[in-house]
Amino acid sequence: MVEPWNEQKDGPFREGALRKKLEARGYQVARYVYPPGTSFPEHSHHIDKIDAVVSGQFRMTLNGKAAILEAGDCIVVPRGTLHSAEVVGSEPVVSLDATRE
C-alpha cells in the first residue's frame, strides 16, 4: 500500500527528487501545504493519483485500510477508489499531489 522512499534506489530524499520520480511515472505534480487539523472526508476521483509526503504526517485511508505517510512516502490511489485523508499531529503536511488521466 505505502511506497516508502528507497535511498539505495532513489538517492537521498529531497522534494525535487520525489517530484522527478512521480513525473517519470507519467504524473503531473502539484505541491500543497495542509495545516494541522485538515481532513478530507471519504471521496473518489475520476483520475489516477498518487499522494506523496514531503514533510509532516498524513493519515490516508483507502478501502477501509489506514496508513500514516511520512516524508518520502507515496500511496497510489487508483481512479474510483474511495479514500480519505487527514493531517496527523501539530505539523503541517507538505504534499505532492500527482495526477494522471
N, C-alpha and C. Protein backbone atom coordinates (compact mmCIF):
# COMPACT_ATOMS: atom_id res chain seq x y z
N MET A 1 0.83 -1.19 0.00
CA MET A 1 0.00 0.00 0.00
C MET A 1 0.88 1.26 0.00
N VAL A 2 1.69 1.47 1.04
CA VAL A 2 2.57 2.63 1.10
C VAL A 2 3.90 2.28 0.43
N GLU A 3 4.36 3.18 -0.43
CA GLU A 3 5.67 3.03 -1.07
C GLU A 3 6.63 3.97 -0.37
N PRO A 4 7.52 3.45 0.48
CA PRO A 4 8.48 4.34 1.15
C PRO A 4 9.61 4.75 0.21
N TRP A 5 10.26 5.87 0.53
CA TRP A 5 11.42 6.32 -0.23
C TRP A 5 12.54 5.30 -0.03
N ASN A 6 13.22 4.95 -1.09
CA ASN A 6 14.31 3.97 -1.05
C ASN A 6 15.61 4.68 -1.41
N GLU A 7 16.42 5.02 -0.39
CA GLU A 7 17.65 5.78 -0.66
C GLU A 7 18.62 5.03 -1.56
N GLN A 8 18.68 3.70 -1.45
CA GLN A 8 19.59 2.94 -2.30
C GLN A 8 19.20 3.05 -3.77
N LYS A 9 17.91 3.05 -4.03
CA LYS A 9 17.41 3.10 -5.41
C LYS A 9 17.23 4.54 -5.90
N ASP A 10 16.70 5.40 -5.02
CA ASP A 10 16.29 6.75 -5.42
C ASP A 10 17.26 7.85 -5.01
N GLY A 11 18.28 7.53 -4.22
CA GLY A 11 19.21 8.54 -3.73
C GLY A 11 18.68 9.24 -2.49
N PRO A 12 19.40 10.25 -2.02
CA PRO A 12 18.97 10.98 -0.82
C PRO A 12 17.60 11.62 -1.05
N PHE A 13 16.78 11.64 0.00
CA PHE A 13 15.44 12.20 -0.14
C PHE A 13 15.50 13.72 -0.20
N ARG A 14 14.86 14.24 -1.24
CA ARG A 14 14.66 15.68 -1.43
C ARG A 14 13.32 15.85 -2.14
N GLU A 15 12.69 16.98 -1.93
CA GLU A 15 11.41 17.24 -2.59
C GLU A 15 11.55 17.17 -4.11
N GLY A 16 12.61 17.76 -4.65
CA GLY A 16 12.80 17.75 -6.10
C GLY A 16 12.97 16.34 -6.65
N ALA A 17 13.66 15.49 -5.90
CA ALA A 17 13.85 14.11 -6.34
C ALA A 17 12.53 13.34 -6.32
N LEU A 18 11.70 13.61 -5.32
CA LEU A 18 10.39 12.97 -5.25
C LEU A 18 9.53 13.42 -6.42
N ARG A 19 9.55 14.71 -6.72
CA ARG A 19 8.78 15.24 -7.85
C ARG A 19 9.22 14.58 -9.15
N LYS A 20 10.53 14.48 -9.38
CA LYS A 20 11.03 13.86 -10.61
C LYS A 20 10.62 12.39 -10.70
N LYS A 21 10.63 11.69 -9.56
CA LYS A 21 10.22 10.28 -9.54
C LYS A 21 8.76 10.14 -9.98
N LEU A 22 7.89 11.02 -9.48
CA LEU A 22 6.47 10.98 -9.84
C LEU A 22 6.26 11.36 -11.31
N GLU A 23 6.98 12.40 -11.75
CA GLU A 23 6.85 12.83 -13.15
C GLU A 23 7.34 11.74 -14.10
N ALA A 24 8.37 11.00 -13.71
CA ALA A 24 8.89 9.90 -14.55
C ALA A 24 7.87 8.78 -14.70
N ARG A 25 6.93 8.71 -13.78
CA ARG A 25 5.86 7.71 -13.86
C ARG A 25 4.67 8.22 -14.68
N GLY A 26 4.80 9.41 -15.25
CA GLY A 26 3.77 9.95 -16.13
C GLY A 26 2.73 10.80 -15.45
N TYR A 27 3.03 11.31 -14.26
CA TYR A 27 2.08 12.11 -13.49
C TYR A 27 2.42 13.60 -13.57
N GLN A 28 1.38 14.45 -13.51
CA GLN A 28 1.55 15.88 -13.33
C GLN A 28 1.52 16.13 -11.82
N VAL A 29 2.42 16.97 -11.33
CA VAL A 29 2.60 17.12 -9.89
C VAL A 29 2.29 18.55 -9.44
N ALA A 30 1.51 18.66 -8.38
CA ALA A 30 1.22 19.94 -7.74
C ALA A 30 1.61 19.84 -6.26
N ARG A 31 2.07 20.94 -5.70
CA ARG A 31 2.51 20.98 -4.30
C ARG A 31 1.44 21.67 -3.46
N TYR A 32 1.12 21.08 -2.31
CA TYR A 32 0.14 21.65 -1.39
C TYR A 32 0.71 21.61 0.02
N VAL A 33 0.28 22.57 0.84
CA VAL A 33 0.59 22.58 2.26
C VAL A 33 -0.74 22.57 3.01
N TYR A 34 -0.90 21.57 3.87
CA TYR A 34 -2.13 21.41 4.64
C TYR A 34 -1.83 21.66 6.11
N PRO A 35 -2.51 22.61 6.74
CA PRO A 35 -2.25 22.90 8.15
C PRO A 35 -2.80 21.80 9.06
N PRO A 36 -2.31 21.75 10.31
CA PRO A 36 -2.85 20.79 11.26
C PRO A 36 -4.37 20.93 11.35
N GLY A 37 -5.03 19.80 11.51
CA GLY A 37 -6.49 19.80 11.59
C GLY A 37 -7.18 19.61 10.25
N THR A 38 -6.44 19.67 9.16
CA THR A 38 -7.03 19.49 7.83
C THR A 38 -7.46 18.03 7.66
N SER A 39 -8.65 17.84 7.13
CA SER A 39 -9.10 16.48 6.81
C SER A 39 -9.96 16.53 5.56
N PHE A 40 -9.93 15.42 4.85
CA PHE A 40 -10.72 15.26 3.64
C PHE A 40 -11.61 14.04 3.84
N PRO A 41 -12.93 14.22 3.84
CA PRO A 41 -13.83 13.07 4.04
C PRO A 41 -13.72 12.09 2.87
N GLU A 42 -14.27 10.92 3.06
CA GLU A 42 -14.20 9.88 2.04
C GLU A 42 -14.74 10.39 0.71
N HIS A 43 -13.97 10.13 -0.34
CA HIS A 43 -14.34 10.58 -1.69
C HIS A 43 -13.55 9.74 -2.70
N SER A 44 -13.79 9.97 -3.98
CA SER A 44 -13.03 9.31 -5.03
C SER A 44 -12.77 10.32 -6.14
N HIS A 45 -11.91 9.94 -7.08
CA HIS A 45 -11.57 10.81 -8.21
C HIS A 45 -11.80 10.06 -9.52
N HIS A 46 -11.97 10.79 -10.60
CA HIS A 46 -12.15 10.18 -11.93
C HIS A 46 -10.81 9.99 -12.63
N ILE A 47 -9.71 10.27 -11.93
CA ILE A 47 -8.36 10.12 -12.47
C ILE A 47 -7.52 9.28 -11.51
N ASP A 48 -6.41 8.75 -12.01
CA ASP A 48 -5.44 8.07 -11.15
C ASP A 48 -4.60 9.13 -10.46
N LYS A 49 -4.23 8.87 -9.19
CA LYS A 49 -3.38 9.82 -8.49
C LYS A 49 -2.46 9.12 -7.52
N ILE A 50 -1.43 9.84 -7.13
CA ILE A 50 -0.52 9.40 -6.08
C ILE A 50 -0.42 10.55 -5.09
N ASP A 51 -0.59 10.24 -3.82
CA ASP A 51 -0.34 11.21 -2.77
C ASP A 51 1.04 10.92 -2.21
N ALA A 52 1.90 11.94 -2.15
CA ALA A 52 3.26 11.79 -1.66
C ALA A 52 3.51 12.86 -0.60
N VAL A 53 4.26 12.50 0.44
CA VAL A 53 4.51 13.41 1.55
C VAL A 53 5.96 13.88 1.53
N VAL A 54 6.14 15.19 1.59
CA VAL A 54 7.46 15.80 1.68
C VAL A 54 7.84 15.97 3.15
N SER A 55 6.88 16.42 3.98
CA SER A 55 7.10 16.55 5.41
C SER A 55 5.78 16.50 6.15
N GLY A 56 5.85 16.19 7.44
CA GLY A 56 4.65 16.03 8.25
C GLY A 56 4.14 14.61 8.18
N GLN A 57 2.96 14.39 8.76
CA GLN A 57 2.33 13.07 8.76
C GLN A 57 0.91 13.18 8.24
N PHE A 58 0.57 12.28 7.31
CA PHE A 58 -0.73 12.29 6.63
C PHE A 58 -1.34 10.90 6.76
N ARG A 59 -2.48 10.80 7.43
CA ARG A 59 -3.17 9.51 7.52
C ARG A 59 -4.07 9.37 6.32
N MET A 60 -3.81 8.33 5.53
CA MET A 60 -4.62 8.03 4.35
C MET A 60 -5.36 6.73 4.61
N THR A 61 -6.63 6.73 4.27
CA THR A 61 -7.45 5.52 4.40
C THR A 61 -8.01 5.18 3.03
N LEU A 62 -7.66 4.00 2.53
CA LEU A 62 -8.14 3.51 1.25
C LEU A 62 -8.90 2.22 1.48
N ASN A 63 -10.13 2.18 0.99
CA ASN A 63 -10.95 0.97 1.14
C ASN A 63 -10.94 0.44 2.56
N GLY A 64 -11.02 1.36 3.54
CA GLY A 64 -11.10 0.97 4.94
C GLY A 64 -9.78 0.65 5.61
N LYS A 65 -8.65 0.71 4.89
CA LYS A 65 -7.34 0.41 5.48
C LYS A 65 -6.55 1.71 5.62
N ALA A 66 -6.12 2.01 6.86
CA ALA A 66 -5.42 3.25 7.15
C ALA A 66 -3.92 3.05 7.23
N ALA A 67 -3.18 4.07 6.80
CA ALA A 67 -1.72 4.09 6.92
C ALA A 67 -1.30 5.54 7.13
N ILE A 68 -0.23 5.73 7.89
CA ILE A 68 0.31 7.07 8.10
C ILE A 68 1.53 7.24 7.21
N LEU A 69 1.45 8.24 6.34
CA LEU A 69 2.55 8.56 5.43
C LEU A 69 3.42 9.63 6.06
N GLU A 70 4.75 9.45 5.92
CA GLU A 70 5.72 10.42 6.41
C GLU A 70 6.62 10.82 5.24
N ALA A 71 7.62 11.62 5.50
CA ALA A 71 8.48 12.15 4.45
C ALA A 71 9.00 11.05 3.53
N GLY A 72 8.75 11.22 2.23
CA GLY A 72 9.21 10.27 1.22
C GLY A 72 8.22 9.19 0.87
N ASP A 73 7.17 9.04 1.67
CA ASP A 73 6.17 8.00 1.41
C ASP A 73 5.19 8.43 0.32
N CYS A 74 4.77 7.46 -0.48
CA CYS A 74 3.76 7.66 -1.53
C CYS A 74 2.68 6.59 -1.38
N ILE A 75 1.51 6.92 -1.85
CA ILE A 75 0.44 5.92 -1.92
C ILE A 75 -0.33 6.13 -3.22
N VAL A 76 -0.54 5.06 -3.94
CA VAL A 76 -1.27 5.09 -5.21
C VAL A 76 -2.76 5.02 -4.90
N VAL A 77 -3.51 5.95 -5.51
CA VAL A 77 -4.97 5.99 -5.36
C VAL A 77 -5.57 5.85 -6.76
N PRO A 78 -5.89 4.61 -7.16
CA PRO A 78 -6.47 4.42 -8.50
C PRO A 78 -7.82 5.14 -8.63
N ARG A 79 -8.12 5.56 -9.85
CA ARG A 79 -9.41 6.24 -10.10
C ARG A 79 -10.56 5.40 -9.55
N GLY A 80 -11.54 6.09 -8.96
CA GLY A 80 -12.72 5.42 -8.43
C GLY A 80 -12.55 4.82 -7.05
N THR A 81 -11.35 4.88 -6.46
CA THR A 81 -11.10 4.28 -5.14
C THR A 81 -11.56 5.23 -4.04
N LEU A 82 -12.41 4.74 -3.14
CA LEU A 82 -12.83 5.55 -2.01
C LEU A 82 -11.65 5.72 -1.06
N HIS A 83 -11.40 6.97 -0.65
CA HIS A 83 -10.31 7.24 0.26
C HIS A 83 -10.60 8.52 1.05
N SER A 84 -9.89 8.66 2.17
CA SER A 84 -9.96 9.88 2.97
C SER A 84 -8.56 10.19 3.46
N ALA A 85 -8.36 11.40 3.98
CA ALA A 85 -7.03 11.80 4.44
C ALA A 85 -7.17 12.81 5.56
N GLU A 86 -6.16 12.83 6.45
CA GLU A 86 -6.13 13.85 7.49
C GLU A 86 -4.70 14.07 7.96
N VAL A 87 -4.41 15.33 8.30
CA VAL A 87 -3.12 15.67 8.86
C VAL A 87 -3.08 15.14 10.29
N VAL A 88 -1.98 14.48 10.63
CA VAL A 88 -1.79 13.92 11.96
C VAL A 88 -0.77 14.78 12.69
N GLY A 89 -1.06 15.15 13.92
CA GLY A 89 -0.11 15.90 14.73
C GLY A 89 -0.20 17.40 14.54
N SER A 90 0.82 18.10 15.04
CA SER A 90 0.79 19.56 15.08
C SER A 90 1.60 20.22 13.97
N GLU A 91 2.21 19.43 13.09
CA GLU A 91 2.97 19.99 11.97
C GLU A 91 2.12 19.99 10.70
N PRO A 92 2.28 21.01 9.86
CA PRO A 92 1.59 20.96 8.57
C PRO A 92 2.17 19.83 7.71
N VAL A 93 1.39 19.40 6.76
CA VAL A 93 1.84 18.40 5.79
C VAL A 93 2.15 19.13 4.48
N VAL A 94 3.35 18.90 3.98
CA VAL A 94 3.70 19.34 2.63
C VAL A 94 3.54 18.12 1.75
N SER A 95 2.68 18.22 0.75
CA SER A 95 2.29 17.09 -0.05
C SER A 95 2.49 17.37 -1.54
N LEU A 96 2.90 16.34 -2.26
CA LEU A 96 2.91 16.40 -3.72
C LEU A 96 1.73 15.56 -4.19
N ASP A 97 0.84 16.20 -4.92
CA ASP A 97 -0.36 15.56 -5.44
C ASP A 97 -0.11 15.28 -6.92
N ALA A 98 0.04 14.01 -7.24
CA ALA A 98 0.37 13.63 -8.61
C ALA A 98 -0.87 13.04 -9.28
N THR A 99 -1.22 13.55 -10.45
CA THR A 99 -2.42 13.07 -11.14
C THR A 99 -2.10 12.67 -12.58
N ARG A 100 -2.91 11.74 -13.06
CA ARG A 100 -2.75 11.24 -14.43
C ARG A 100 -4.12 10.84 -14.96
N GLU A 101 -4.45 11.30 -16.17
CA GLU A 101 -5.74 10.96 -16.78
C GLU A 101 -5.83 9.48 -17.07
